[in-house]
Amino acid sequence: MLTALAAEGPTLDAVPAERFGRAPYFVLVEDGNLVEAIPNQEAQGSSGVGGRVVMQLVQKGVRGVVAPQFGPKAQTALDAAGIEALPLTGGPTLKELAASLETRG
């Protein structure tokens, strides 16, 4: 499953971002491997950025998103798009987080 990790940087060595809609990057992973890193053009936007971020992720084919916090509008947009909001589990880097997703199946 193509999964977007809310990230502070564009590599698997980056740390997870604190908030979904304000994450500087989304690192897309599949089977524990980096597929693409995309900058979040909405990170500095005004309110409602979560919904716009979800639209960007839908266009990339994302089926799951990992972040520690999802705002209510972002959660509604994720639900409407059929994208699974996954709890932040795993280690302090995205590489460890991606590995924990592999074991999730």
PDB file of N, CA and C in Angstrom:
ATOM      1  N   MET A   1       0.851  -1.181   0.000  1.00  0.00           N
ATOM      2  CA  MET A   1       0.000   0.000   0.000  1.00  0.00           C
ATOM      3  C   MET A   1       0.890   1.234   0.000  1.00  0.00           C
ATOM      4  N   LEU A   2       0.629   2.140  -0.913  1.00  0.00           N
ATOM      5  CA  LEU A   2       1.379   3.396  -0.953  1.00  0.00           C
ATOM      6  C   LEU A   2       0.946   4.253   0.231  1.00  0.00           C
ATOM      7  N   THR A   3       1.913   4.597   1.064  1.00  0.00           N
ATOM      8  CA  THR A   3       1.637   5.316   2.305  1.00  0.00           C
ATOM      9  C   THR A   3       2.454   6.595   2.357  1.00  0.00           C
ATOM     10  N   ALA A   4       1.823   7.685   2.787  1.00  0.00           N
ATOM     11  CA  ALA A   4       2.498   8.972   2.951  1.00  0.00           C
ATOM     12  C   ALA A   4       2.864   9.159   4.416  1.00  0.00           C
ATOM     13  N   LEU A   5       4.120   9.448   4.664  1.00  0.00           N
ATOM     14  CA  LEU A   5       4.599   9.733   6.010  1.00  0.00           C
ATOM     15  C   LEU A   5       4.804  11.237   6.138  1.00  0.00           C
ATOM     16  N   ALA A   6       4.129  11.852   7.096  1.00  0.00           N
ATOM     17  CA  ALA A   6       4.325  13.279   7.354  1.00  0.00           C
ATOM     18  C   ALA A   6       5.745  13.443   7.896  1.00  0.00           C
ATOM     19  N   ALA A   7       6.556  14.278   7.228  1.00  0.00           N
ATOM     20  CA  ALA A   7       7.991  14.311   7.518  1.00  0.00           C
ATOM     21  C   ALA A   7       8.544  15.718   7.621  1.00  0.00           C
ATOM     22  N   GLU A   8       9.620  15.836   8.391  1.00  0.00           N
ATOM     23  CA  GLU A   8      10.347  17.103   8.500  1.00  0.00           C
ATOM     24  C   GLU A   8      11.351  17.279   7.372  1.00  0.00           C
ATOM     25  N   GLY A   9      11.681  16.210   6.673  1.00  0.00           N
ATOM     26  CA  GLY A   9      12.637  16.271   5.576  1.00  0.00           C
ATOM     27  C   GLY A   9      12.274  15.291   4.484  1.00  0.00           C
ATOM     28  N   PRO A  10      12.995  15.325   3.348  1.00  0.00           N
ATOM     29  CA  PRO A  10      12.626  14.541   2.173  1.00  0.00           C
ATOM     30  C   PRO A  10      13.244  13.143   2.066  1.00  0.00           C
ATOM     31  N   THR A  11      13.861  12.635   3.135  1.00  0.00           N
ATOM     32  CA  THR A  11      14.487  11.315   3.062  1.00  0.00           C
ATOM     33  C   THR A  11      13.984  10.428   4.193  1.00  0.00           C
ATOM     34  N   LEU A  12      14.303   9.150   4.105  1.00  0.00           N
ATOM     35  CA  LEU A  12      13.917   8.216   5.165  1.00  0.00           C
ATOM     36  C   LEU A  12      14.716   8.430   6.450  1.00  0.00           C
ATOM     37  N   ASP A  13      15.761   9.244   6.393  1.00  0.00           N
ATOM     38  CA  ASP A  13      16.519   9.569   7.602  1.00  0.00           C
ATOM     39  C   ASP A  13      15.897  10.734   8.371  1.00  0.00           C
ATOM     40  N   ALA A  14      14.871  11.348   7.808  1.00  0.00           N
ATOM     41  CA  ALA A  14      14.187  12.471   8.464  1.00  0.00           C
ATOM     42  C   ALA A  14      13.342  11.962   9.631  1.00  0.00           C
ATOM     43  N   VAL A  15      12.930  12.888  10.467  1.00  0.00           N
ATOM     44  CA  VAL A  15      12.043  12.557  11.583  1.00  0.00           C
ATOM     45  C   VAL A  15      10.604  12.863  11.183  1.00  0.00           C
ATOM     46  N   PRO A  16       9.644  12.174  11.807  1.00  0.00           N
ATOM     47  CA  PRO A  16       8.245  12.462  11.504  1.00  0.00           C
ATOM     48  C   PRO A  16       7.875  13.895  11.888  1.00  0.00           C
ATOM     49  N   ALA A  17       6.984  14.493  11.105  1.00  0.00           N
ATOM     50  CA  ALA A  17       6.467  15.828  11.411  1.00  0.00           C
ATOM     51  C   ALA A  17       5.407  15.706  12.502  1.00  0.00           C
ATOM     52  N   GLU A  18       5.208  16.781  13.227  1.00  0.00           N
ATOM     53  CA  GLU A  18       4.251  16.786  14.329  1.00  0.00           C
ATOM     54  C   GLU A  18       2.795  16.805  13.878  1.00  0.00           C
ATOM     55  N   ARG A  19       2.518  17.512  12.779  1.00  0.00           N
ATOM     56  CA  ARG A  19       1.129  17.681  12.346  1.00  0.00           C
ATOM     57  C   ARG A  19       0.987  17.359  10.867  1.00  0.00           C
ATOM     58  N   PHE A  20      -0.081  16.702  10.521  1.00  0.00           N
ATOM     59  CA  PHE A  20      -0.328  16.267   9.147  1.00  0.00           C
ATOM     60  C   PHE A  20      -0.329  17.427   8.155  1.00  0.00           C
ATOM     61  N   GLY A  21      -1.235  18.356   8.277  1.00  0.00           N
ATOM     62  CA  GLY A  21      -1.398  19.425   7.301  1.00  0.00           C
ATOM     63  C   GLY A  21      -0.237  20.387   7.222  1.00  0.00           C
ATOM     64  N   ARG A  22       0.551  20.480   8.284  1.00  0.00           N
ATOM     65  CA  ARG A  22       1.683  21.416   8.332  1.00  0.00           C
ATOM     66  C   ARG A  22       3.032  20.741   8.134  1.00  0.00           C
ATOM     67  N   ALA A  23       3.022  19.458   7.800  1.00  0.00           N
ATOM     68  CA  ALA A  23       4.278  18.747   7.562  1.00  0.00           C
ATOM     69  C   ALA A  23       5.014  19.380   6.388  1.00  0.00           C
ATOM     70  N   PRO A  24       6.310  19.635   6.519  1.00  0.00           N
ATOM     71  CA  PRO A  24       7.055  20.221   5.400  1.00  0.00           C
ATOM     72  C   PRO A  24       7.125  19.305   4.170  1.00  0.00           C
ATOM     73  N   TYR A  25       7.118  17.995   4.399  1.00  0.00           N
ATOM     74  CA  TYR A  25       7.211  17.019   3.315  1.00  0.00           C
ATOM     75  C   TYR A  25       6.281  15.851   3.586  1.00  0.00           C
ATOM     76  N   PHE A  26       5.990  15.123   2.520  1.00  0.00           N
ATOM     77  CA  PHE A  26       5.361  13.812   2.621  1.00  0.00           C
ATOM     78  C   PHE A  26       6.280  12.849   1.903  1.00  0.00           C
ATOM     79  N   VAL A  27       6.762  11.868   2.634  1.00  0.00           N
ATOM     80  CA  VAL A  27       7.620  10.843   2.067  1.00  0.00           C
ATOM     81  C   VAL A  27       6.710   9.659   1.758  1.00  0.00           C
ATOM     82  N   LEU A  28       6.644   9.296   0.488  1.00  0.00           N
ATOM     83  CA  LEU A  28       5.787   8.204   0.060  1.00  0.00           C
ATOM     84  C   LEU A  28       6.597   6.919   0.058  1.00  0.00           C
ATOM     85  N   VAL A  29       6.058   5.903   0.739  1.00  0.00           N
ATOM     86  CA  VAL A  29       6.739   4.620   0.842  1.00  0.00           C
ATOM     87  C   VAL A  29       5.790   3.495   0.454  1.00  0.00           C
ATOM     88  N   GLU A  30       6.393   2.443  -0.058  1.00  0.00           N
ATOM     89  CA  GLU A  30       5.654   1.226  -0.366  1.00  0.00           C
ATOM     90  C   GLU A  30       6.587   0.062  -0.092  1.00  0.00           C
ATOM     91  N   ASP A  31       6.108  -0.920   0.643  1.00  0.00           N
ATOM     92  CA  ASP A  31       6.923  -2.072   1.026  1.00  0.00           C
ATOM     93  C   ASP A  31       8.213  -1.651   1.719  1.00  0.00           C
ATOM     94  N   GLY A  32       8.143  -0.573   2.513  1.00  0.00           N
ATOM     95  CA  GLY A  32       9.299  -0.106   3.265  1.00  0.00           C
ATOM     96  C   GLY A  32      10.311   0.696   2.471  1.00  0.00           C
ATOM     97  N   ASN A  33      10.048   0.914   1.198  1.00  0.00           N
ATOM     98  CA  ASN A  33      10.992   1.615   0.326  1.00  0.00           C
ATOM     99  C   ASN A  33      10.481   2.999  -0.057  1.00  0.00           C
ATOM    100  N   LEU A  34      11.399   3.931  -0.160  1.00  0.00           N
ATOM    101  CA  LEU A  34      11.078   5.282  -0.606  1.00  0.00           C
ATOM    102  C   LEU A  34      10.633   5.252  -2.063  1.00  0.00           C
ATOM    103  N   VAL A  35       9.471   5.822  -2.326  1.00  0.00           N
ATOM    104  CA  VAL A  35       8.964   5.938  -3.692  1.00  0.00           C
ATOM    105  C   VAL A  35       9.177   7.357  -4.195  1.00  0.00           C
ATOM    106  N   GLU A  36       8.838   8.329  -3.345  1.00  0.00           N
ATOM    107  CA  GLU A  36       8.926   9.736  -3.738  1.00  0.00           C
ATOM    108  C   GLU A  36       8.821  10.596  -2.486  1.00  0.00           C
ATOM    109  N   ALA A  37       9.469  11.737  -2.500  1.00  0.00           N
ATOM    110  CA  ALA A  37       9.316  12.738  -1.445  1.00  0.00           C
ATOM    111  C   ALA A  37       8.736  13.983  -2.094  1.00  0.00           C
ATOM    112  N   ILE A  38       7.629  14.465  -1.540  1.00  0.00           N
ATOM    113  CA  ILE A  38       6.999  15.645  -2.130  1.00  0.00           C
ATOM    114  C   ILE A  38       6.922  16.761  -1.092  1.00  0.00           C
ATOM    115  N   PRO A  39       7.313  17.960  -1.474  1.00  0.00           N
ATOM    116  CA  PRO A  39       7.178  19.090  -0.557  1.00  0.00           C
ATOM    117  C   PRO A  39       5.703  19.434  -0.390  1.00  0.00           C
ATOM    118  N   ASN A  40       5.335  19.804   0.812  1.00  0.00           N
ATOM    119  CA  ASN A  40       3.958  20.197   1.099  1.00  0.00           C
ATOM    120  C   ASN A  40       3.792  21.675   0.782  1.00  0.00           C
ATOM    121  N   GLN A  41       3.163  21.963  -0.334  1.00  0.00           N
ATOM    122  CA  GLN A  41       2.943  23.347  -0.756  1.00  0.00           C
ATOM    123  C   GLN A  41       1.975  24.074   0.168  1.00  0.00           C
ATOM    124  N   GLU A  42       1.230  23.339   0.977  1.00  0.00           N
ATOM    125  CA  GLU A  42       0.220  23.926   1.866  1.00  0.00           C
ATOM    126  C   GLU A  42       0.737  24.153   3.289  1.00  0.00           C
ATOM    127  N   ALA A  43       1.967  23.777   3.587  1.00  0.00           N
ATOM    128  CA  ALA A  43       2.493  23.816   4.953  1.00  0.00           C
ATOM    129  C   ALA A  43       2.349  25.176   5.620  1.00  0.00           C
ATOM    130  N   GLN A  44       2.477  26.237   4.857  1.00  0.00           N
ATOM    131  CA  GLN A  44       2.391  27.586   5.417  1.00  0.00           C
ATOM    132  C   GLN A  44       1.056  28.264   5.095  1.00  0.00           C
ATOM    133  N   GLY A  45       0.119  27.507   4.546  1.00  0.00           N
ATOM    134  CA  GLY A  45      -1.159  28.064   4.131  1.00  0.00           C
ATOM    135  C   GLY A  45      -2.056  28.441   5.298  1.00  0.00           C
ATOM    136  N   SER A  46      -3.167  29.073   4.954  1.00  0.00           N
ATOM    137  CA  SER A  46      -4.144  29.457   5.979  1.00  0.00           C
ATOM    138  C   SER A  46      -4.988  28.238   6.344  1.00  0.00           C
ATOM    139  N   SER A  47      -6.055  28.437   7.055  1.00  0.00           N
ATOM    140  CA  SER A  47      -6.849  27.325   7.578  1.00  0.00           C
ATOM    141  C   SER A  47      -7.373  26.428   6.463  1.00  0.00           C
ATOM    142  N   GLY A  48      -7.660  25.196   6.830  1.00  0.00           N
ATOM    143  CA  GLY A  48      -8.189  24.243   5.870  1.00  0.00           C
ATOM    144  C   GLY A  48      -7.155  23.565   5.007  1.00  0.00           C
ATOM    145  N   VAL A  49      -5.886  23.608   5.398  1.00  0.00           N
ATOM    146  CA  VAL A  49      -4.840  23.026   4.566  1.00  0.00           C
ATOM    147  C   VAL A  49      -4.956  21.510   4.488  1.00  0.00           C
ATOM    148  N   GLY A  50      -5.480  20.875   5.523  1.00  0.00           N
ATOM    149  CA  GLY A  50      -5.574  19.416   5.534  1.00  0.00           C
ATOM    150  C   GLY A  50      -6.334  18.865   4.351  1.00  0.00           C
ATOM    151  N   GLY A  51      -7.456  19.475   4.020  1.00  0.00           N
ATOM    152  CA  GLY A  51      -8.244  19.021   2.880  1.00  0.00           C
ATOM    153  C   GLY A  51      -7.506  19.170   1.567  1.00  0.00           C
ATOM    154  N   ARG A  52      -6.767  20.251   1.420  1.00  0.00           N
ATOM    155  CA  ARG A  52      -5.997  20.468   0.187  1.00  0.00           C
ATOM    156  C   ARG A  52      -4.831  19.481   0.094  1.00  0.00           C
ATOM    157  N   VAL A  53      -4.223  19.173   1.222  1.00  0.00           N
ATOM    158  CA  VAL A  53      -3.147  18.182   1.239  1.00  0.00           C
ATOM    159  C   VAL A  53      -3.696  16.819   0.838  1.00  0.00           C
ATOM    160  N   VAL A  54      -4.863  16.469   1.351  1.00  0.00           N
ATOM    161  CA  VAL A  54      -5.470  15.183   1.001  1.00  0.00           C
ATOM    162  C   VAL A  54      -5.682  15.091  -0.504  1.00  0.00           C
ATOM    163  N   MET A  55      -6.154  16.149  -1.140  1.00  0.00           N
ATOM    164  CA  MET A  55      -6.355  16.133  -2.596  1.00  0.00           C
ATOM    165  C   MET A  55      -5.041  15.861  -3.325  1.00  0.00           C
ATOM    166  N   GLN A  56      -3.951  16.458  -2.852  1.00  0.00           N
ATOM    167  CA  GLN A  56      -2.639  16.237  -3.459  1.00  0.00           C
ATOM    168  C   GLN A  56      -2.229  14.771  -3.303  1.00  0.00           C
ATOM    169  N   LEU A  57      -2.478  14.185  -2.138  1.00  0.00           N
ATOM    170  CA  LEU A  57      -2.102  12.796  -1.898  1.00  0.00           C
ATOM    171  C   LEU A  57      -2.963  11.832  -2.703  1.00  0.00           C
ATOM    172  N   VAL A  58      -4.241  12.153  -2.883  1.00  0.00           N
ATOM    173  CA  VAL A  58      -5.125  11.333  -3.712  1.00  0.00           C
ATOM    174  C   VAL A  58      -4.573  11.264  -5.135  1.00  0.00           C
ATOM    175  N   GLN A  59      -4.104  12.387  -5.647  1.00  0.00           N
ATOM    176  CA  GLN A  59      -3.553  12.424  -7.007  1.00  0.00           C
ATOM    177  C   GLN A  59      -2.324  11.542  -7.149  1.00  0.00           C
ATOM    178  N   LYS A  60      -1.605  11.322  -6.059  1.00  0.00           N
ATOM    179  CA  LYS A  60      -0.411  10.466  -6.079  1.00  0.00           C
ATOM    180  C   LYS A  60      -0.756   8.987  -5.885  1.00  0.00           C
ATOM    181  N   GLY A  61      -2.024   8.685  -5.549  1.00  0.00           N
ATOM    182  CA  GLY A  61      -2.431   7.300  -5.345  1.00  0.00           C
ATOM    183  C   GLY A  61      -2.207   6.778  -3.937  1.00  0.00           C
ATOM    184  N   VAL A  62      -2.049   7.676  -2.986  1.00  0.00           N
ATOM    185  CA  VAL A  62      -1.807   7.290  -1.589  1.00  0.00           C
ATOM    186  C   VAL A  62      -3.049   6.607  -1.017  1.00  0.00           C
ATOM    187  N   ARG A  63      -2.834   5.527  -0.268  1.00  0.00           N
ATOM    188  CA  ARG A  63      -3.934   4.778   0.360  1.00  0.00           C
ATOM    189  C   ARG A  63      -3.883   4.848   1.885  1.00  0.00           C
ATOM    190  N   GLY A  64      -2.775   5.316   2.452  1.00  0.00           N
ATOM    191  CA  GLY A  64      -2.635   5.457   3.897  1.00  0.00           C
ATOM    192  C   GLY A  64      -1.746   6.641   4.219  1.00  0.00           C
ATOM    193  N   VAL A  65      -1.984   7.250   5.389  1.00  0.00           N
ATOM    194  CA  VAL A  65      -1.186   8.391   5.840  1.00  0.00           C
ATOM    195  C   VAL A  65      -0.821   8.167   7.297  1.00  0.00           C
ATOM    196  N   VAL A  66       0.444   8.448   7.625  1.00  0.00           N
ATOM    197  CA  VAL A  66       0.913   8.324   8.999  1.00  0.00           C
ATOM    198  C   VAL A  66       1.334   9.701   9.501  1.00  0.00           C
ATOM    199  N   ALA A  67       0.771  10.097  10.625  1.00  0.00           N
ATOM    200  CA  ALA A  67       1.121  11.365  11.284  1.00  0.00           C
ATOM    201  C   ALA A  67       0.648  11.270  12.735  1.00  0.00           C
ATOM    202  N   PRO A  68       1.272  12.047  13.634  1.00  0.00           N
ATOM    203  CA  PRO A  68       0.835  11.996  15.031  1.00  0.00           C
ATOM    204  C   PRO A  68      -0.504  12.692  15.263  1.00  0.00           C
ATOM    205  N   GLN A  69      -0.822  13.703  14.459  1.00  0.00           N
ATOM    206  CA  GLN A  69      -2.064  14.451  14.665  1.00  0.00           C
ATOM    207  C   GLN A  69      -2.732  14.741  13.332  1.00  0.00           C
ATOM    208  N   PHE A  70      -4.050  14.565  13.313  1.00  0.00           N
ATOM    209  CA  PHE A  70      -4.875  14.927  12.164  1.00  0.00           C
ATOM    210  C   PHE A  70      -5.954  15.863  12.665  1.00  0.00           C
ATOM    211  N   GLY A  71      -6.073  17.035  12.050  1.00  0.00           N
ATOM    212  CA  GLY A  71      -7.151  17.945  12.408  1.00  0.00           C
ATOM    213  C   GLY A  71      -8.488  17.374  11.958  1.00  0.00           C
ATOM    214  N   PRO A  72      -9.584  17.906  12.494  1.00  0.00           N
ATOM    215  CA  PRO A  72     -10.899  17.364  12.141  1.00  0.00           C
ATOM    216  C   PRO A  72     -11.236  17.488  10.659  1.00  0.00           C
ATOM    217  N   LYS A  73     -10.861  18.578  10.021  1.00  0.00           N
ATOM    218  CA  LYS A  73     -11.128  18.737   8.584  1.00  0.00           C
ATOM    219  C   LYS A  73     -10.283  17.761   7.770  1.00  0.00           C
ATOM    220  N   ALA A  74      -9.044  17.565   8.179  1.00  0.00           N
ATOM    221  CA  ALA A  74      -8.187  16.611   7.480  1.00  0.00           C
ATOM    222  C   ALA A  74      -8.740  15.200   7.634  1.00  0.00           C
ATOM    223  N   GLN A  75      -9.185  14.851   8.825  1.00  0.00           N
ATOM    224  CA  GLN A  75      -9.738  13.513   9.052  1.00  0.00           C
ATOM    225  C   GLN A  75     -10.980  13.290   8.197  1.00  0.00           C
ATOM    226  N   THR A  76     -11.825  14.303   8.107  1.00  0.00           N
ATOM    227  CA  THR A  76     -13.026  14.207   7.268  1.00  0.00           C
ATOM    228  C   THR A  76     -12.642  14.011   5.807  1.00  0.00           C
ATOM    229  N   ALA A  77     -11.654  14.768   5.333  1.00  0.00           N
ATOM    230  CA  ALA A  77     -11.201  14.652   3.940  1.00  0.00           C
ATOM    231  C   ALA A  77     -10.578  13.282   3.686  1.00  0.00           C
ATOM    232  N   LEU A  78      -9.786  12.775   4.633  1.00  0.00           N
ATOM    233  CA  LEU A  78      -9.185  11.446   4.483  1.00  0.00           C
ATOM    234  C   LEU A  78     -10.269  10.378   4.400  1.00  0.00           C
ATOM    235  N   ASP A  79     -11.256  10.467   5.286  1.00  0.00           N
ATOM    236  CA  ASP A  79     -12.357   9.504   5.277  1.00  0.00           C
ATOM    237  C   ASP A  79     -13.098   9.537   3.942  1.00  0.00           C
ATOM    238  N   ALA A  80     -13.384  10.751   3.457  1.00  0.00           N
ATOM    239  CA  ALA A  80     -14.115  10.904   2.191  1.00  0.00           C
ATOM    240  C   ALA A  80     -13.316  10.340   1.016  1.00  0.00           C
ATOM    241  N   ALA A  81     -11.987  10.441   1.082  1.00  0.00           N
ATOM    242  CA  ALA A  81     -11.118   9.966   0.001  1.00  0.00           C
ATOM    243  C   ALA A  81     -10.803   8.474   0.119  1.00  0.00           C
ATOM    244  N   GLY A  82     -11.206   7.859   1.227  1.00  0.00           N
ATOM    245  CA  GLY A  82     -10.900   6.448   1.427  1.00  0.00           C
ATOM    246  C   GLY A  82      -9.451   6.189   1.771  1.00  0.00           C
ATOM    247  N   ILE A  83      -8.793   7.193   2.345  1.00  0.00           N
ATOM    248  CA  ILE A  83      -7.399   7.052   2.766  1.00  0.00           C
ATOM    249  C   ILE A  83      -7.380   6.748   4.256  1.00  0.00           C
ATOM    250  N   GLU A  84      -6.653   5.709   4.618  1.00  0.00           N
ATOM    251  CA  GLU A  84      -6.570   5.283   6.007  1.00  0.00           C
ATOM    252  C   GLU A  84      -5.607   6.181   6.795  1.00  0.00           C
ATOM    253  N   ALA A  85      -6.087   6.730   7.912  1.00  0.00           N
ATOM    254  CA  ALA A  85      -5.235   7.501   8.823  1.00  0.00           C
ATOM    255  C   ALA A  85      -4.622   6.516   9.813  1.00  0.00           C
ATOM    256  N   LEU A  86      -3.315   6.389   9.776  1.00  0.00           N
ATOM    257  CA  LEU A  86      -2.621   5.406  10.607  1.00  0.00           C
ATOM    258  C   LEU A  86      -1.940   6.097  11.780  1.00  0.00           C
ATOM    259  N   PRO A  87      -1.979   5.468  12.945  1.00  0.00           N
ATOM    260  CA  PRO A  87      -1.299   6.060  14.101  1.00  0.00           C
ATOM    261  C   PRO A  87       0.205   6.023  13.908  1.00  0.00           C
ATOM    262  N   LEU A  88       0.869   6.990  14.493  1.00  0.00           N
ATOM    263  CA  LEU A  88       2.323   7.075  14.414  1.00  0.00           C
ATOM    264  C   LEU A  88       2.916   6.033  15.348  1.00  0.00           C
ATOM    265  N   THR A  89       3.525   5.005  14.766  1.00  0.00           N
ATOM    266  CA  THR A  89       4.205   3.978  15.546  1.00  0.00           C
ATOM    267  C   THR A  89       5.543   3.709  14.881  1.00  0.00           C
ATOM    268  N   GLY A  90       6.483   3.225  15.626  1.00  0.00           N
ATOM    269  CA  GLY A  90       7.794   2.940  15.058  1.00  0.00           C
ATOM    270  C   GLY A  90       8.839   3.813  15.710  1.00  0.00           C
ATOM    271  N   GLY A  91       9.977   3.896  15.070  1.00  0.00           N
ATOM    272  CA  GLY A  91      11.110   4.584  15.654  1.00  0.00           C
ATOM    273  C   GLY A  91      11.154   6.065  15.372  1.00  0.00           C
ATOM    274  N   PRO A  92      12.254   6.683  15.754  1.00  0.00           N
ATOM    275  CA  PRO A  92      12.395   8.134  15.614  1.00  0.00           C
ATOM    276  C   PRO A  92      12.678   8.601  14.194  1.00  0.00           C
ATOM    277  N   THR A  93      12.997   7.691  13.272  1.00  0.00           N
ATOM    278  CA  THR A  93      13.209   8.112  11.884  1.00  0.00           C
ATOM    279  C   THR A  93      12.132   7.507  10.997  1.00  0.00           C
ATOM    280  N   LEU A  94      11.976   8.085   9.819  1.00  0.00           N
ATOM    281  CA  LEU A  94      11.000   7.552   8.872  1.00  0.00           C
ATOM    282  C   LEU A  94      11.365   6.147   8.426  1.00  0.00           C
ATOM    283  N   LYS A  95      12.663   5.852   8.344  1.00  0.00           N
ATOM    284  CA  LYS A  95      13.103   4.514   7.947  1.00  0.00           C
ATOM    285  C   LYS A  95      12.551   3.470   8.919  1.00  0.00           C
ATOM    286  N   GLU A  96      12.635   3.751  10.216  1.00  0.00           N
ATOM    287  CA  GLU A  96      12.111   2.813  11.220  1.00  0.00           C
ATOM    288  C   GLU A  96      10.592   2.760  11.171  1.00  0.00           C
ATOM    289  N   LEU A  97       9.978   3.885  10.923  1.00  0.00           N
ATOM    290  CA  LEU A  97       8.523   3.939  10.788  1.00  0.00           C
ATOM    291  C   LEU A  97       8.069   3.142   9.580  1.00  0.00           C
ATOM    292  N   ALA A  98       8.755   3.287   8.456  1.00  0.00           N
ATOM    293  CA  ALA A  98       8.409   2.540   7.246  1.00  0.00           C
ATOM    294  C   ALA A  98       8.565   1.034   7.477  1.00  0.00           C
ATOM    295  N   ALA A  99       9.596   0.646   8.212  1.00  0.00           N
ATOM    296  CA  ALA A  99       9.795  -0.767   8.516  1.00  0.00           C
ATOM    297  C   ALA A  99       8.665  -1.302   9.381  1.00  0.00           C
ATOM    298  N   SER A 100       8.165  -0.491  10.299  1.00  0.00           N
ATOM    299  CA  SER A 100       7.056  -0.942  11.153  1.00  0.00           C
ATOM    300  C   SER A 100       5.768  -1.103  10.333  1.00  0.00           C
ATOM    301  N   LEU A 101       5.624  -0.342   9.253  1.00  0.00           N
ATOM    302  CA  LEU A 101       4.456  -0.492   8.379  1.00  0.00           C
ATOM    303  C   LEU A 101       4.507  -1.816   7.631  1.00  0.00           C
ATOM    304  N   GLU A 102       5.707  -2.251   7.271  1.00  0.00           N
ATOM    305  CA  GLU A 102       5.851  -3.531   6.562  1.00  0.00           C
ATOM    306  C   GLU A 102       5.328  -4.673   7.401  1.00  0.00           C
ATOM    307  N   THR A 103       5.616  -4.648   8.701  1.00  0.00           N
ATOM    308  CA  THR A 103       5.169  -5.736   9.569  1.00  0.00           C
ATOM    309  C   THR A 103       3.680  -5.671   9.824  1.00  0.00           C
ATOM    310  N   ARG A 104       3.082  -4.526   9.581  1.00  0.00           N
ATOM    311  CA  ARG A 104       1.650  -4.344   9.783  1.00  0.00           C
ATOM    312  C   ARG A 104       0.867  -5.113   8.724  1.00  0.00           C
ATOM    313  N   GLY A 105       1.483  -5.256   7.537  1.00  0.00           N
ATOM    314  CA  GLY A 105       0.846  -6.018   6.467  1.00  0.00           C
ATOM    315  C   GLY A 105      -0.068  -5.187   5.702  1.00  0.00           C
TER     316      GLY A 105
END
